[in-house]
Protein backbone atom coordinates (compact mmCIF):
# COMPACT_ATOMS: atom_id res chain seq x y z
CA MET A 1 -25.64 -87.01 -78.55
CA ARG A 2 -22.89 -87.67 -80.09
CA LYS A 3 -21.37 -91.22 -80.18
CA GLU A 4 -17.51 -91.58 -78.29
CA LYS A 5 -15.19 -92.63 -81.28
CA GLU A 6 -13.30 -95.19 -81.13
CA ILE A 7 -9.21 -93.96 -81.00
CA VAL A 8 -6.78 -96.58 -82.12
CA MET A 9 -3.20 -96.20 -80.64
CA THR A 10 -0.05 -97.90 -81.29
CA THR A 11 2.05 -99.67 -79.11
CA GLU A 12 4.15 -96.67 -79.46
CA ALA A 13 1.78 -94.11 -78.39
CA LEU A 14 0.68 -96.20 -75.85
CA ARG A 15 4.39 -95.85 -73.82
CA TYR A 16 4.22 -92.51 -74.34
CA MET A 17 1.08 -92.11 -72.71
CA GLN A 18 2.53 -94.11 -70.28
CA THR A 19 5.60 -92.37 -69.47
CA PHE A 20 3.77 -89.24 -69.26
CA GLU A 21 1.24 -90.16 -66.83
CA ARG A 22 3.67 -91.30 -64.62
CA TYR A 23 5.91 -88.21 -64.97
CA THR A 24 3.73 -85.98 -64.90
CA GLY A 25 0.92 -87.25 -62.49
CA SER A 26 -2.25 -86.08 -65.59
CA LYS A 27 -4.69 -88.29 -66.86
CA VAL A 28 -4.01 -88.74 -70.73
CA LYS A 29 -7.09 -89.25 -72.97
CA ASP A 30 -4.80 -89.43 -76.63
CA CYS A 31 -1.75 -89.49 -77.77
CA PHE A 32 -0.33 -89.59 -81.51
CA GLU A 33 3.16 -88.98 -83.05
CA TYR A 34 2.52 -86.38 -86.28
CA GLU A 35 5.44 -85.58 -88.12
CA GLY A 36 8.32 -86.24 -85.12
CA LYS A 37 5.27 -84.40 -82.91
CA VAL A 38 3.96 -85.93 -79.84
CA ILE A 39 0.77 -84.89 -79.09
CA PHE A 40 -0.84 -85.58 -75.94
CA ILE A 41 -4.90 -84.64 -75.29
CA VAL A 42 -4.88 -83.96 -71.24
CA ASP A 43 -8.69 -84.73 -69.67
CA PRO A 44 -10.53 -81.55 -68.53
CA GLN A 45 -8.25 -79.53 -65.85
CA GLN A 46 -5.28 -81.50 -66.17
CA VAL A 47 -3.11 -78.87 -68.32
CA MET A 48 -1.67 -77.04 -65.50
CA LEU A 49 -0.63 -80.71 -63.94
CA ALA A 50 0.91 -82.02 -67.35
CA VAL A 51 2.80 -79.25 -68.23
CA GLY A 52 4.29 -78.12 -64.86
CA LYS A 53 5.59 -74.57 -63.38
CA ASN A 54 6.96 -72.47 -66.41
CA GLY A 55 6.35 -75.75 -68.56
CA GLU A 56 9.11 -77.59 -66.46
CA LYS A 57 7.95 -81.03 -67.32
CA ILE A 58 7.00 -80.04 -71.16
CA ILE A 59 10.74 -79.58 -71.51
CA ASP A 60 12.04 -82.77 -69.17
CA MET A 61 9.19 -84.98 -71.13
CA GLU A 62 10.92 -83.48 -74.50
CA LYS A 63 14.23 -84.91 -73.61
CA MET A 64 13.20 -87.80 -71.92
CA LEU A 65 11.11 -89.08 -75.31
CA ASN A 66 13.81 -86.97 -77.86
CA LYS A 67 11.03 -85.50 -79.56
CA LYS A 68 8.77 -82.28 -79.48
CA ILE A 69 5.70 -82.74 -77.44
CA GLN A 70 2.20 -80.18 -77.44
CA VAL A 71 -0.17 -80.78 -74.76
CA VAL A 72 -3.92 -79.87 -75.38
CA GLU A 73 -6.55 -80.06 -72.76
CA PHE A 74 -9.93 -81.87 -74.04
CA ASN A 75 -13.31 -80.65 -73.19
CA PRO A 76 -16.77 -82.18 -74.24
CA ASN A 77 -17.81 -78.37 -75.32
CA ILE A 78 -16.03 -78.44 -78.98
CA GLU A 79 -15.97 -74.36 -78.71
CA GLN A 80 -13.63 -75.21 -76.10
CA PHE A 81 -11.92 -77.42 -77.33
CA VAL A 82 -11.27 -75.40 -80.36
CA ARG A 83 -9.77 -72.59 -77.62
CA ASN A 84 -7.78 -74.75 -75.96
CA LEU A 85 -6.05 -76.21 -79.28
CA PHE A 86 -5.29 -72.45 -80.08
CA TYR A 87 -4.79 -71.18 -77.24
CA LEU A 88 -1.14 -69.73 -77.86
CA TYR A 89 -2.41 -68.03 -80.84
CA LYS A 90 -5.30 -65.82 -78.68
CA PRO A 91 -8.61 -67.28 -80.68
CA THR A 92 -11.16 -64.28 -81.15
CA LYS A 93 -13.86 -66.02 -83.21
CA ILE A 94 -14.83 -70.01 -83.89
CA GLU A 95 -17.58 -70.68 -86.41
CA PHE A 96 -19.10 -73.67 -87.52
CA SER A 97 -20.55 -74.74 -90.76
CA ASP A 98 -22.33 -77.50 -92.12
CA LYS A 99 -22.42 -78.12 -95.78
CA ASN A 100 -22.96 -81.22 -97.90
CA ASN A 101 -21.84 -83.24 -94.53
CA ILE A 102 -18.83 -81.51 -94.10
CA LYS A 103 -18.45 -79.91 -90.30
CA HIS A 104 -16.42 -77.01 -90.78
CA VAL A 105 -14.47 -74.77 -87.53
CA THR A 106 -13.26 -71.56 -88.75
CA VAL A 107 -10.98 -70.09 -86.14
CA THR A 108 -9.92 -66.28 -86.06
CA VAL A 109 -7.00 -66.29 -84.15
CA ASP A 110 -4.77 -62.50 -83.41
CA PRO A 111 -3.60 -61.48 -87.03
CA GLN A 112 -0.02 -61.45 -85.91
CA LEU A 113 0.31 -64.90 -84.76
CA LYS A 114 -1.68 -66.17 -87.58
CA ALA A 115 1.48 -67.32 -89.61
CA ARG A 116 2.24 -69.51 -86.43
CA ALA A 117 -1.09 -70.69 -85.90
CA ILE A 118 -1.21 -72.06 -89.32
CA GLY A 119 2.83 -73.47 -88.83
CA LYS A 120 5.65 -73.83 -91.46
CA GLU A 121 3.86 -75.89 -94.33
CA GLY A 122 0.44 -76.07 -92.25
CA LYS A 123 2.14 -78.41 -90.27
CA ASN A 124 0.11 -77.12 -86.98
CA LEU A 125 -3.21 -76.86 -88.93
CA LYS A 126 -3.08 -80.48 -90.21
CA ILE A 127 -2.22 -81.68 -86.14
CA ALA A 128 -4.88 -79.21 -85.35
CA ARG A 129 -7.23 -81.01 -87.48
CA GLU A 130 -6.06 -84.09 -86.76
CA ILE A 131 -7.03 -83.79 -83.54
CA LEU A 132 -10.06 -82.44 -84.29
CA VAL A 133 -10.67 -85.47 -86.07
CA ARG A 134 -9.78 -87.92 -84.11
CA HIS A 135 -12.16 -86.29 -80.95
CA THR A 136 -15.20 -84.75 -82.78
CA GLU A 137 -17.37 -84.45 -85.76
CA LEU A 138 -15.65 -81.83 -87.58
CA ASN A 139 -13.47 -83.08 -89.97
CA SER A 140 -12.50 -79.42 -92.14
CA ILE A 141 -10.93 -76.24 -90.59
CA ASN A 142 -9.46 -73.15 -91.09
CA ILE A 143 -7.90 -69.83 -89.56
CA ALA A 144 -9.04 -66.52 -90.38
């Protein structure tokens, strides 16, 4: 059994969390800001509640916070968590490896969505890595 990591949050992240939970009715496990985007990791089975019909709650929250928002559903199963993280890019295969004490995951996505999965200047990949480092034993990721 792996030890639960201690996640440190800023005062601002805690405020975002409180506002998000109050507005959406969902339970947030983690929240952090990365390059102007606020990332919320919600508890399992909470993503639909958090997003709302047609993404209405996210659109409203983005206006309230004046920031882009990303919502990811946590899952204790690491493979499913990675799938949730890359849900928009239609992951087809998740492969794990462990070399020289570096725990790595390769995510194969729909080839037409690969560039978007990586993001401009690797932004989406950096966000995904930050999420995985905070919530799993993984410390390296790439998109295939």
